[in-house]
Amino acid sequence: MKQINAMMAGTVVEVLVAPGHDITAGQDVLIIESMKMQLPITAEVTGKISEVKVAAGDFVNEGDVLMLLA
């Protein structure tokens, strides 16, 4: 199963997709705030979101799984 991981530690500001959404490589799926900057997390592969493991306000560490793709 494919997954999308956090590239750095920070707080989730906004989740841009939900389970069942089709995404394409290069699409922004989540916004993380780190060091007072808002950074988009971009999908590296095309697929369908099967599970979102975080919500706005959650703190994530580098490498944490954010979403699973079918």
PDB file of N, CA and C in Angstrom:
ATOM      1  N   MET A   1       0.844  -1.180   0.000  1.00  0.00           N
ATOM      2  CA  MET A   1       0.000   0.000   0.000  1.00  0.00           C
ATOM      3  C   MET A   1       0.893   1.249   0.000  1.00  0.00           C
ATOM      4  N   LYS A   2       0.555   2.206  -0.840  1.00  0.00           N
ATOM      5  CA  LYS A   2       1.316   3.445  -0.922  1.00  0.00           C
ATOM      6  C   LYS A   2       0.906   4.371   0.220  1.00  0.00           C
ATOM      7  N   GLN A   3       1.815   5.256   0.594  1.00  0.00           N
ATOM      8  CA  GLN A   3       1.511   6.203   1.659  1.00  0.00           C
ATOM      9  C   GLN A   3       2.168   7.544   1.392  1.00  0.00           C
ATOM     10  N   ILE A   4       1.639   8.560   2.055  1.00  0.00           N
ATOM     11  CA  ILE A   4       2.216   9.900   1.995  1.00  0.00           C
ATOM     12  C   ILE A   4       2.727  10.207   3.393  1.00  0.00           C
ATOM     13  N   ASN A   5       4.012  10.583   3.486  1.00  0.00           N
ATOM     14  CA  ASN A   5       4.653  10.834   4.775  1.00  0.00           C
ATOM     15  C   ASN A   5       4.978  12.314   4.933  1.00  0.00           C
ATOM     16  N   ALA A   6       5.125  12.736   6.187  1.00  0.00           N
ATOM     17  CA  ALA A   6       5.526  14.107   6.489  1.00  0.00           C
ATOM     18  C   ALA A   6       6.996  14.293   6.135  1.00  0.00           C
ATOM     19  N   MET A   7       7.308  15.364   5.436  1.00  0.00           N
ATOM     20  CA  MET A   7       8.694  15.653   5.057  1.00  0.00           C
ATOM     21  C   MET A   7       9.461  16.333   6.192  1.00  0.00           C
ATOM     22  N   MET A   8       8.714  16.939   7.133  1.00  0.00           N
ATOM     23  CA  MET A   8       9.322  17.601   8.279  1.00  0.00           C
ATOM     24  C   MET A   8       8.303  17.678   9.401  1.00  0.00           C
ATOM     25  N   ALA A   9       8.773  17.980  10.594  1.00  0.00           N
ATOM     26  CA  ALA A   9       7.880  18.119  11.739  1.00  0.00           C
ATOM     27  C   ALA A   9       7.118  19.439  11.636  1.00  0.00           C
ATOM     28  N   GLY A  10       5.884  19.429  12.115  1.00  0.00           N
ATOM     29  CA  GLY A  10       5.088  20.651  12.116  1.00  0.00           C
ATOM     30  C   GLY A  10       3.651  20.353  12.484  1.00  0.00           C
ATOM     31  N   THR A  11       2.823  21.387  12.416  1.00  0.00           N
ATOM     32  CA  THR A  11       1.409  21.278  12.744  1.00  0.00           C
ATOM     33  C   THR A  11       0.589  21.267  11.467  1.00  0.00           C
ATOM     34  N   VAL A  12      -0.353  20.336  11.380  1.00  0.00           N
ATOM     35  CA  VAL A  12      -1.242  20.260  10.219  1.00  0.00           C
ATOM     36  C   VAL A  12      -2.177  21.474  10.261  1.00  0.00           C
ATOM     37  N   VAL A  13      -2.165  22.272   9.197  1.00  0.00           N
ATOM     38  CA  VAL A  13      -3.020  23.454   9.103  1.00  0.00           C
ATOM     39  C   VAL A  13      -4.316  23.105   8.393  1.00  0.00           C
ATOM     40  N   GLU A  14      -4.207  22.362   7.301  1.00  0.00           N
ATOM     41  CA  GLU A  14      -5.393  22.047   6.498  1.00  0.00           C
ATOM     42  C   GLU A  14      -5.181  20.741   5.739  1.00  0.00           C
ATOM     43  N   VAL A  15      -6.214  19.907   5.733  1.00  0.00           N
ATOM     44  CA  VAL A  15      -6.217  18.677   4.928  1.00  0.00           C
ATOM     45  C   VAL A  15      -7.041  18.994   3.684  1.00  0.00           C
ATOM     46  N   LEU A  16      -6.447  18.824   2.505  1.00  0.00           N
ATOM     47  CA  LEU A  16      -7.077  19.240   1.251  1.00  0.00           C
ATOM     48  C   LEU A  16      -7.840  18.134   0.535  1.00  0.00           C
ATOM     49  N   VAL A  17      -7.717  16.896   1.000  1.00  0.00           N
ATOM     50  CA  VAL A  17      -8.401  15.762   0.370  1.00  0.00           C
ATOM     51  C   VAL A  17      -9.060  14.904   1.448  1.00  0.00           C
ATOM     52  N   ALA A  18      -9.925  14.006   1.017  1.00  0.00           N
ATOM     53  CA  ALA A  18     -10.627  13.112   1.933  1.00  0.00           C
ATOM     54  C   ALA A  18     -10.603  11.701   1.358  1.00  0.00           C
ATOM     55  N   PRO A  19     -10.901  10.699   2.185  1.00  0.00           N
ATOM     56  CA  PRO A  19     -10.965   9.327   1.664  1.00  0.00           C
ATOM     57  C   PRO A  19     -11.904   9.231   0.466  1.00  0.00           C
ATOM     58  N   GLY A  20     -11.454   8.506  -0.552  1.00  0.00           N
ATOM     59  CA  GLY A  20     -12.234   8.352  -1.772  1.00  0.00           C
ATOM     60  C   GLY A  20     -11.835   9.297  -2.887  1.00  0.00           C
ATOM     61  N   HIS A  21     -11.093  10.358  -2.553  1.00  0.00           N
ATOM     62  CA  HIS A  21     -10.642  11.298  -3.583  1.00  0.00           C
ATOM     63  C   HIS A  21      -9.529  10.690  -4.421  1.00  0.00           C
ATOM     64  N   ASP A  22      -9.621  10.867  -5.733  1.00  0.00           N
ATOM     65  CA  ASP A  22      -8.526  10.496  -6.633  1.00  0.00           C
ATOM     66  C   ASP A  22      -7.530  11.643  -6.650  1.00  0.00           C
ATOM     67  N   ILE A  23      -6.249  11.318  -6.553  1.00  0.00           N
ATOM     68  CA  ILE A  23      -5.208  12.343  -6.604  1.00  0.00           C
ATOM     69  C   ILE A  23      -4.207  11.986  -7.689  1.00  0.00           C
ATOM     70  N   THR A  24      -3.473  12.997  -8.136  1.00  0.00           N
ATOM     71  CA  THR A  24      -2.438  12.791  -9.139  1.00  0.00           C
ATOM     72  C   THR A  24      -1.091  13.209  -8.567  1.00  0.00           C
ATOM     73  N   ALA A  25      -0.039  12.653  -9.111  1.00  0.00           N
ATOM     74  CA  ALA A  25       1.314  13.026  -8.688  1.00  0.00           C
ATOM     75  C   ALA A  25       1.486  14.523  -8.873  1.00  0.00           C
ATOM     76  N   GLY A  26       2.024  15.178  -7.868  1.00  0.00           N
ATOM     77  CA  GLY A  26       2.236  16.620  -7.923  1.00  0.00           C
ATOM     78  C   GLY A  26       1.115  17.433  -7.302  1.00  0.00           C
ATOM     79  N   GLN A  27       0.042  16.781  -6.899  1.00  0.00           N
ATOM     80  CA  GLN A  27      -1.100  17.486  -6.302  1.00  0.00           C
ATOM     81  C   GLN A  27      -0.847  17.739  -4.814  1.00  0.00           C
ATOM     82  N   ASP A  28      -1.157  18.958  -4.334  1.00  0.00           N
ATOM     83  CA  ASP A  28      -1.063  19.269  -2.909  1.00  0.00           C
ATOM     84  C   ASP A  28      -2.200  18.564  -2.178  1.00  0.00           C
ATOM     85  N   VAL A  29      -1.865  17.870  -1.073  1.00  0.00           N
ATOM     86  CA  VAL A  29      -2.875  17.119  -0.327  1.00  0.00           C
ATOM     87  C   VAL A  29      -3.038  17.606   1.109  1.00  0.00           C
ATOM     88  N   LEU A  30      -2.074  18.394   1.596  1.00  0.00           N
ATOM     89  CA  LEU A  30      -2.075  18.796   2.992  1.00  0.00           C
ATOM     90  C   LEU A  30      -1.177  20.013   3.153  1.00  0.00           C
ATOM     91  N   ILE A  31      -1.476  20.857   4.136  1.00  0.00           N
ATOM     92  CA  ILE A  31      -0.628  22.007   4.450  1.00  0.00           C
ATOM     93  C   ILE A  31      -0.111  21.830   5.876  1.00  0.00           C
ATOM     94  N   ILE A  32       1.215  21.945   6.047  1.00  0.00           N
ATOM     95  CA  ILE A  32       1.850  21.866   7.369  1.00  0.00           C
ATOM     96  C   ILE A  32       2.510  23.200   7.666  1.00  0.00           C
ATOM     97  N   GLU A  33       2.385  23.648   8.916  1.00  0.00           N
ATOM     98  CA  GLU A  33       3.093  24.848   9.348  1.00  0.00           C
ATOM     99  C   GLU A  33       4.311  24.414  10.151  1.00  0.00           C
ATOM    100  N   SER A  34       5.460  24.889   9.719  1.00  0.00           N
ATOM    101  CA  SER A  34       6.713  24.571  10.387  1.00  0.00           C
ATOM    102  C   SER A  34       7.597  25.804  10.347  1.00  0.00           C
ATOM    103  N   MET A  35       8.149  26.171  11.468  1.00  0.00           N
ATOM    104  CA  MET A  35       9.020  27.351  11.568  1.00  0.00           C
ATOM    105  C   MET A  35       8.341  28.594  10.998  1.00  0.00           C
ATOM    106  N   LYS A  36       7.050  28.763  11.305  1.00  0.00           N
ATOM    107  CA  LYS A  36       6.234  29.916  10.901  1.00  0.00           C
ATOM    108  C   LYS A  36       6.024  30.019   9.395  1.00  0.00           C
ATOM    109  N   MET A  37       6.264  28.908   8.676  1.00  0.00           N
ATOM    110  CA  MET A  37       6.002  28.866   7.238  1.00  0.00           C
ATOM    111  C   MET A  37       4.950  27.800   6.973  1.00  0.00           C
ATOM    112  N   GLN A  38       4.052  28.072   6.048  1.00  0.00           N
ATOM    113  CA  GLN A  38       3.081  27.072   5.635  1.00  0.00           C
ATOM    114  C   GLN A  38       3.613  26.368   4.397  1.00  0.00           C
ATOM    115  N   LEU A  39       3.752  25.048   4.505  1.00  0.00           N
ATOM    116  CA  LEU A  39       4.363  24.260   3.443  1.00  0.00           C
ATOM    117  C   LEU A  39       3.391  23.202   2.940  1.00  0.00           C
ATOM    118  N   PRO A  40       3.183  23.133   1.621  1.00  0.00           N
ATOM    119  CA  PRO A  40       2.298  22.090   1.088  1.00  0.00           C
ATOM    120  C   PRO A  40       3.002  20.737   1.069  1.00  0.00           C
ATOM    121  N   ILE A  41       2.249  19.690   1.365  1.00  0.00           N
ATOM    122  CA  ILE A  41       2.719  18.323   1.189  1.00  0.00           C
ATOM    123  C   ILE A  41       2.116  17.850  -0.126  1.00  0.00           C
ATOM    124  N   THR A  42       2.964  17.405  -1.030  1.00  0.00           N
ATOM    125  CA  THR A  42       2.558  17.054  -2.384  1.00  0.00           C
ATOM    126  C   THR A  42       2.632  15.547  -2.580  1.00  0.00           C
ATOM    127  N   ALA A  43       1.618  14.993  -3.235  1.00  0.00           N
ATOM    128  CA  ALA A  43       1.612  13.559  -3.549  1.00  0.00           C
ATOM    129  C   ALA A  43       2.703  13.264  -4.568  1.00  0.00           C
ATOM    130  N   GLU A  44       3.443  12.192  -4.339  1.00  0.00           N
ATOM    131  CA  GLU A  44       4.493  11.787  -5.272  1.00  0.00           C
ATOM    132  C   GLU A  44       3.988  10.781  -6.293  1.00  0.00           C
ATOM    133  N   VAL A  45       2.814  10.195  -6.029  1.00  0.00           N
ATOM    134  CA  VAL A  45       2.246   9.180  -6.914  1.00  0.00           C
ATOM    135  C   VAL A  45       0.767   9.455  -7.141  1.00  0.00           C
ATOM    136  N   THR A  46       0.231   8.849  -8.198  1.00  0.00           N
ATOM    137  CA  THR A  46      -1.201   8.937  -8.482  1.00  0.00           C
ATOM    138  C   THR A  46      -1.905   7.793  -7.769  1.00  0.00           C
ATOM    139  N   GLY A  47      -3.111   8.049  -7.255  1.00  0.00           N
ATOM    140  CA  GLY A  47      -3.863   7.006  -6.572  1.00  0.00           C
ATOM    141  C   GLY A  47      -5.165   7.533  -6.013  1.00  0.00           C
ATOM    142  N   LYS A  48      -5.755   6.749  -5.128  1.00  0.00           N
ATOM    143  CA  LYS A  48      -7.005   7.127  -4.465  1.00  0.00           C
ATOM    144  C   LYS A  48      -6.754   7.110  -2.962  1.00  0.00           C
ATOM    145  N   ILE A  49      -7.185   8.167  -2.270  1.00  0.00           N
ATOM    146  CA  ILE A  49      -7.010   8.246  -0.824  1.00  0.00           C
ATOM    147  C   ILE A  49      -7.886   7.184  -0.162  1.00  0.00           C
ATOM    148  N   SER A  50      -7.262   6.290   0.623  1.00  0.00           N
ATOM    149  CA  SER A  50      -8.047   5.282   1.338  1.00  0.00           C
ATOM    150  C   SER A  50      -8.212   5.648   2.809  1.00  0.00           C
ATOM    151  N   GLU A  51      -7.239   6.388   3.373  1.00  0.00           N
ATOM    152  CA  GLU A  51      -7.339   6.791   4.778  1.00  0.00           C
ATOM    153  C   GLU A  51      -6.512   8.041   5.016  1.00  0.00           C
ATOM    154  N   VAL A  52      -7.095   8.993   5.764  1.00  0.00           N
ATOM    155  CA  VAL A  52      -6.371  10.181   6.221  1.00  0.00           C
ATOM    156  C   VAL A  52      -6.111   9.972   7.699  1.00  0.00           C
ATOM    157  N   LYS A  53      -4.845   9.972   8.107  1.00  0.00           N
ATOM    158  CA  LYS A  53      -4.474   9.647   9.472  1.00  0.00           C
ATOM    159  C   LYS A  53      -4.291  10.866  10.371  1.00  0.00           C
ATOM    160  N   VAL A  54      -4.438  12.076   9.835  1.00  0.00           N
ATOM    161  CA  VAL A  54      -4.247  13.291  10.618  1.00  0.00           C
ATOM    162  C   VAL A  54      -5.408  14.256  10.379  1.00  0.00           C
ATOM    163  N   ALA A  55      -5.512  15.241  11.254  1.00  0.00           N
ATOM    164  CA  ALA A  55      -6.536  16.284  11.124  1.00  0.00           C
ATOM    165  C   ALA A  55      -5.887  17.632  11.413  1.00  0.00           C
ATOM    166  N   ALA A  56      -6.561  18.701  11.034  1.00  0.00           N
ATOM    167  CA  ALA A  56      -6.055  20.048  11.308  1.00  0.00           C
ATOM    168  C   ALA A  56      -5.803  20.184  12.809  1.00  0.00           C
ATOM    169  N   GLY A  57      -4.642  20.750  13.139  1.00  0.00           N
ATOM    170  CA  GLY A  57      -4.272  20.938  14.527  1.00  0.00           C
ATOM    171  C   GLY A  57      -3.348  19.872  15.072  1.00  0.00           C
ATOM    172  N   ASP A  58      -3.243  18.733  14.391  1.00  0.00           N
ATOM    173  CA  ASP A  58      -2.355  17.654  14.838  1.00  0.00           C
ATOM    174  C   ASP A  58      -0.900  18.034  14.603  1.00  0.00           C
ATOM    175  N   PHE A  59      -0.027  17.643  15.544  1.00  0.00           N
ATOM    176  CA  PHE A  59       1.414  17.802  15.353  1.00  0.00           C
ATOM    177  C   PHE A  59       1.958  16.506  14.777  1.00  0.00           C
ATOM    178  N   VAL A  60       2.786  16.612  13.751  1.00  0.00           N
ATOM    179  CA  VAL A  60       3.400  15.436  13.130  1.00  0.00           C
ATOM    180  C   VAL A  60       4.915  15.571  13.137  1.00  0.00           C
ATOM    181  N   ASN A  61       5.576  14.445  13.195  1.00  0.00           N
ATOM    182  CA  ASN A  61       7.036  14.404  13.119  1.00  0.00           C
ATOM    183  C   ASN A  61       7.465  13.999  11.718  1.00  0.00           C
ATOM    184  N   GLU A  62       8.707  14.303  11.375  1.00  0.00           N
ATOM    185  CA  GLU A  62       9.250  13.909  10.077  1.00  0.00           C
ATOM    186  C   GLU A  62       9.122  12.395   9.913  1.00  0.00           C
ATOM    187  N   GLY A  63       8.574  11.965   8.783  1.00  0.00           N
ATOM    188  CA  GLY A  63       8.426  10.548   8.491  1.00  0.00           C
ATOM    189  C   GLY A  63       7.090   9.954   8.908  1.00  0.00           C
ATOM    190  N   ASP A  64       6.287  10.680   9.699  1.00  0.00           N
ATOM    191  CA  ASP A  64       4.982  10.153  10.093  1.00  0.00           C
ATOM    192  C   ASP A  64       4.097   9.912   8.863  1.00  0.00           C
ATOM    193  N   VAL A  65       3.298   8.859   8.920  1.00  0.00           N
ATOM    194  CA  VAL A  65       2.362   8.566   7.830  1.00  0.00           C
ATOM    195  C   VAL A  65       1.167   9.507   7.952  1.00  0.00           C
ATOM    196  N   LEU A  66       0.885  10.253   6.881  1.00  0.00           N
ATOM    197  CA  LEU A  66      -0.225  11.204   6.867  1.00  0.00           C
ATOM    198  C   LEU A  66      -1.457  10.610   6.205  1.00  0.00           C
ATOM    199  N   MET A  67      -1.257   9.867   5.124  1.00  0.00           N
ATOM    200  CA  MET A  67      -2.354   9.306   4.342  1.00  0.00           C
ATOM    201  C   MET A  67      -1.936   7.987   3.725  1.00  0.00           C
ATOM    202  N   LEU A  68      -2.940   7.128   3.484  1.00  0.00           N
ATOM    203  CA  LEU A  68      -2.711   5.877   2.784  1.00  0.00           C
ATOM    204  C   LEU A  68      -3.442   5.944   1.445  1.00  0.00           C
ATOM    205  N   LEU A  69      -2.830   5.368   0.423  1.00  0.00           N
ATOM    206  CA  LEU A  69      -3.415   5.347  -0.913  1.00  0.00           C
ATOM    207  C   LEU A  69      -3.740   3.925  -1.317  1.00  0.00           C
ATOM    208  N   ALA A  70      -4.858   3.787  -2.031  1.00  0.00           N
ATOM    209  CA  ALA A  70      -5.264   2.475  -2.544  1.00  0.00           C
ATOM    210  C   ALA A  70      -4.640   2.258  -3.903  1.00  0.00           C
TER     211      ALA A  70
END
